[in-house]
N, C-alpha and C. Protein backbone atom coordinates (compact mmCIF):
# COMPACT_ATOMS: atom_id res chain seq x y z
N UNK A 1 1.04 -1.13 0.06
CA UNK A 1 0.14 -0.21 -0.16
C UNK A 1 0.79 1.27 -0.07
N UNK A 2 0.22 2.10 -0.96
CA UNK A 2 1.46 3.75 -0.72
C UNK A 2 1.50 4.43 0.74
N UNK A 3 2.65 4.27 0.86
CA UNK A 3 2.62 4.98 2.47
C UNK A 3 1.92 6.20 2.94
N UNK A 4 1.71 7.40 1.48
CA UNK A 4 0.76 8.67 1.67
C UNK A 4 -0.52 8.33 1.88
N UNK A 5 -1.17 7.31 1.07
CA UNK A 5 -2.26 6.80 1.63
C UNK A 5 -2.76 6.00 3.03
N UNK A 6 -2.12 5.39 3.29
CA UNK A 6 -1.91 4.66 4.48
C UNK A 6 -1.79 6.05 5.52
N UNK A 7 -1.42 6.88 5.26
CA UNK A 7 -1.34 8.09 6.69
C UNK A 7 -2.13 9.15 6.55
N UNK A 8 -2.79 8.98 5.19
CA UNK A 8 -3.99 9.79 5.03
C UNK A 8 -5.67 8.88 5.65
N UNK A 9 -4.92 7.68 5.46
CA UNK A 9 -5.92 6.82 5.98
C UNK A 9 -6.33 7.21 7.28
N UNK A 10 -5.36 6.98 8.32
CA UNK A 10 -5.21 6.68 9.27
C UNK A 10 -5.02 7.97 9.90
N UNK A 11 -5.41 9.51 9.01
CA UNK A 11 -5.52 10.78 9.97
C UNK A 11 -7.27 10.63 9.75
N UNK A 12 -7.94 10.48 8.45
CA UNK A 12 -9.25 10.52 8.63
C UNK A 12 -9.80 9.03 9.72
N UNK A 13 -8.76 7.88 10.41
CA UNK A 13 -9.17 7.53 11.67
C UNK A 13 -9.67 7.88 12.31
N UNK A 14 -8.24 9.07 13.45
CA UNK A 14 -8.36 9.78 14.16
C UNK A 14 -9.43 10.87 14.03
N UNK A 15 -9.21 11.89 13.18
CA UNK A 15 -10.50 12.69 12.91
C UNK A 15 -11.79 12.04 13.23
N UNK A 16 -12.22 10.98 12.42
CA UNK A 16 -13.12 10.17 12.68
C UNK A 16 -13.77 9.45 14.28
N UNK A 17 -12.62 8.80 14.98
CA UNK A 17 -12.60 8.63 16.19
C UNK A 17 -13.14 9.83 17.15
N UNK A 18 -12.16 11.02 17.19
CA UNK A 18 -12.93 12.10 18.08
C UNK A 18 -14.30 12.66 17.56
N UNK A 19 -15.10 12.52 16.61
CA UNK A 19 -15.99 12.76 16.36
C UNK A 19 -17.41 11.63 16.56
N UNK A 20 -16.89 10.78 17.23
CA UNK A 20 -17.80 9.62 17.90
C UNK A 20 -17.85 8.60 16.51
N UNK A 21 -17.22 8.49 15.31
CA UNK A 21 -16.86 7.60 14.23
C UNK A 21 -16.04 6.44 14.28
N UNK A 22 -16.18 5.48 14.11
CA UNK A 22 -15.36 4.74 13.55
C UNK A 22 -15.18 4.28 11.65
N UNK A 23 -14.02 4.61 11.19
CA UNK A 23 -13.58 4.26 9.83
C UNK A 23 -13.09 2.72 10.16
N UNK A 24 -13.88 2.13 9.10
CA UNK A 24 -13.72 0.99 8.57
C UNK A 24 -13.26 0.50 6.94
N UNK A 25 -12.81 -0.50 6.88
CA UNK A 25 -12.26 -0.66 5.38
C UNK A 25 -12.91 -1.86 4.85
N UNK A 26 -12.87 -2.19 4.12
CA UNK A 26 -13.31 -3.54 3.60
C UNK A 26 -12.10 -4.87 3.07
N UNK A 27 -13.00 -5.48 3.44
CA UNK A 27 -11.47 -6.79 4.13
C UNK A 27 -11.92 -7.52 2.66
N UNK A 28 -12.31 -7.11 2.07
CA UNK A 28 -12.71 -8.17 0.71
C UNK A 28 -11.32 -8.26 0.01
N UNK A 29 -10.60 -9.37 -0.42
CA UNK A 29 -9.33 -9.55 -1.09
C UNK A 29 -9.32 -9.85 -2.45
N UNK A 30 -10.79 -9.72 -3.31
CA UNK A 30 -11.04 -9.78 -4.26
C UNK A 30 -10.89 -8.56 -5.03
N UNK A 31 -10.16 -8.12 -5.94
CA UNK A 31 -10.35 -7.23 -6.56
C UNK A 31 -11.54 -6.31 -7.45
N UNK A 32 -12.36 -7.61 -7.63
CA UNK A 32 -13.41 -7.86 -9.10
C UNK A 32 -14.90 -7.57 -7.60
N UNK A 33 -14.66 -7.86 -6.42
CA UNK A 33 -15.70 -7.54 -6.01
C UNK A 33 -16.49 -6.41 -5.20
N UNK A 34 -17.68 -6.29 -5.44
CA UNK A 34 -18.32 -5.24 -4.76
C UNK A 34 -18.11 -4.97 -3.90
N UNK A 35 -17.27 -3.58 -3.43
CA UNK A 35 -16.65 -2.97 -2.47
C UNK A 35 -15.05 -3.14 -1.88
N UNK A 36 -14.58 -3.96 -3.14
CA UNK A 36 -13.51 -4.17 -2.80
C UNK A 36 -12.47 -2.46 -2.68
N UNK A 37 -11.66 -2.68 -1.43
CA UNK A 37 -11.63 -1.34 -1.26
C UNK A 37 -11.89 -0.16 -0.53
N UNK A 38 -13.30 -0.06 -0.49
CA UNK A 38 -13.19 0.58 -0.27
C UNK A 38 -13.77 0.50 1.23
N UNK A 39 -14.77 2.62 1.46
CA UNK A 39 -15.16 2.38 3.48
C UNK A 39 -16.36 2.82 3.77
N UNK A 40 -16.49 2.31 4.98
CA UNK A 40 -17.43 2.64 5.76
C UNK A 40 -17.80 3.33 6.94
N UNK A 41 -18.12 4.30 7.84
CA UNK A 41 -18.33 5.31 8.53
C UNK A 41 -19.15 4.97 9.26
N UNK A 42 -18.97 4.29 10.71
CA UNK A 42 -20.26 3.54 11.40
C UNK A 42 -20.21 4.55 12.84
N UNK A 43 -21.24 4.84 13.24
CA UNK A 43 -21.36 5.39 14.58
C UNK A 43 -21.08 4.37 15.84
N UNK A 44 -19.58 4.92 16.17
CA UNK A 44 -19.49 4.28 17.13
C UNK A 44 -20.29 3.59 18.19
N UNK A 45 -21.30 4.50 19.08
CA UNK A 45 -21.79 4.41 19.92
C UNK A 45 -23.27 3.22 19.64
N UNK A 46 -23.43 3.75 18.52
CA UNK A 46 -25.08 2.99 18.06
C UNK A 46 -24.46 1.68 17.51
N UNK A 47 -23.00 1.53 17.04
CA UNK A 47 -22.68 1.08 15.56
C UNK A 47 -23.75 0.82 14.88
N UNK A 48 -23.68 1.63 13.77
CA UNK A 48 -24.77 2.27 12.93
C UNK A 48 -24.08 2.90 11.98
N UNK A 49 -24.09 2.60 10.65
CA UNK A 49 -23.53 2.63 9.46
C UNK A 49 -24.10 4.03 8.72
N UNK A 50 -23.23 5.09 8.88
CA UNK A 50 -23.64 6.13 9.05
C UNK A 50 -23.64 6.89 7.63
N UNK A 51 -22.55 6.38 7.17
CA UNK A 51 -22.37 6.89 5.71
C UNK A 51 -21.27 5.84 4.72
N UNK A 52 -21.61 5.73 3.24
CA UNK A 52 -20.51 4.52 3.23
C UNK A 52 -21.53 3.33 2.78
N UNK A 53 -22.55 3.08 2.89
CA UNK A 53 -22.93 1.65 3.59
C UNK A 53 -24.45 1.49 2.13
N UNK A 54 -25.02 2.90 1.02
CA UNK A 54 -24.95 2.68 0.33
C UNK A 54 -24.42 3.84 -1.45
N UNK A 55 -24.93 2.53 -2.52
CA UNK A 55 -25.97 1.60 -2.52
C UNK A 55 -25.10 0.56 -1.91
N UNK A 56 -24.54 -0.22 -1.59
CA UNK A 56 -23.44 -1.18 -1.09
C UNK A 56 -22.50 -0.82 -0.21
N UNK A 57 -22.62 -1.26 0.75
CA UNK A 57 -21.73 -1.95 1.85
C UNK A 57 -20.04 -1.58 1.27
N UNK A 58 -19.70 -0.50 2.37
CA UNK A 58 -18.11 -0.23 1.88
C UNK A 58 -17.78 0.80 0.23
N UNK A 59 -19.03 1.17 -0.19
CA UNK A 59 -19.15 2.00 -0.79
C UNK A 59 -18.38 3.39 -0.86
N UNK A 60 -17.92 3.79 -0.13
CA UNK A 60 -17.51 5.47 -0.04
C UNK A 60 -16.00 5.04 -0.14
N UNK A 61 -15.49 5.80 -1.00
CA UNK A 61 -13.71 6.19 -1.31
C UNK A 61 -13.34 7.34 0.33
N UNK A 62 -12.10 7.18 0.32
CA UNK A 62 -11.18 8.04 1.09
C UNK A 62 -11.88 9.86 0.78
N UNK A 63 -11.97 9.75 -0.18
CA UNK A 63 -12.26 11.55 -0.50
C UNK A 63 -13.47 11.60 -0.11
N UNK A 64 -14.61 10.90 -0.37
CA UNK A 64 -16.36 10.69 0.07
C UNK A 64 -15.68 10.92 1.73
N UNK A 65 -15.33 10.15 2.29
CA UNK A 65 -15.23 10.04 3.68
C UNK A 65 -14.64 11.31 4.52
N UNK A 66 -13.50 11.83 3.66
CA UNK A 66 -12.76 13.13 3.82
C UNK A 66 -13.89 14.34 3.91
N UNK A 67 -14.19 14.42 2.85
CA UNK A 67 -15.53 15.70 2.58
C UNK A 67 -16.81 15.43 3.63
N UNK A 68 -17.13 14.00 3.82
CA UNK A 68 -17.57 14.23 5.20
C UNK A 68 -18.09 14.24 6.09
N UNK A 69 -16.70 14.25 6.80
CA UNK A 69 -15.91 14.94 8.43
C UNK A 69 -15.75 15.30 7.84
N UNK A 70 -15.59 16.56 6.70
CA UNK A 70 -15.44 18.32 6.93
C UNK A 70 -16.40 18.79 6.82
N UNK A 71 -17.81 18.24 6.72
CA UNK A 71 -18.92 18.63 6.81
C UNK A 71 -19.59 19.36 5.58
N UNK A 72 -19.22 18.74 4.89
CA UNK A 72 -19.67 18.46 3.12
C UNK A 72 -21.13 17.95 2.86
N UNK A 73 -21.40 17.29 3.74
CA UNK A 73 -22.60 16.19 3.06
C UNK A 73 -22.95 15.88 2.06
N UNK A 74 -23.58 17.53 1.20
CA UNK A 74 -24.03 17.28 -0.34
C UNK A 74 -23.10 16.83 -1.19
N UNK A 75 -21.79 17.49 -0.76
CA UNK A 75 -20.88 17.16 -2.23
C UNK A 75 -20.47 15.85 -1.63
N UNK A 76 -20.26 15.27 -0.53
CA UNK A 76 -19.57 13.33 -0.52
C UNK A 76 -20.78 12.51 -1.12
N UNK A 77 -22.15 13.03 -0.97
CA UNK A 77 -22.98 12.67 -1.77
C UNK A 77 -23.38 12.27 -2.83
N UNK A 78 -22.68 13.54 -3.84
CA UNK A 78 -23.20 13.83 -5.11
C UNK A 78 -21.69 13.08 -5.60
N UNK A 79 -20.43 12.99 -4.68
CA UNK A 79 -19.39 12.54 -5.29
C UNK A 79 -19.22 14.00 -6.67
């Protein structure tokens, strides 16, 4: 994995954690699988997906997650 990408992912994990979320990455190993390499944001208290669960689980990219955490939900949804 590219080091810069991992650093960015870890930074977003910390931001999400401070806001009461948990950032999870898909564990799928088949690059052709739906959701491979994607992310989902979970409300840590309720264990409920708040972003990246539609139209399929782990459908968000790091860019989407970053926009969502920056408070720009409309841009994140519209991609």
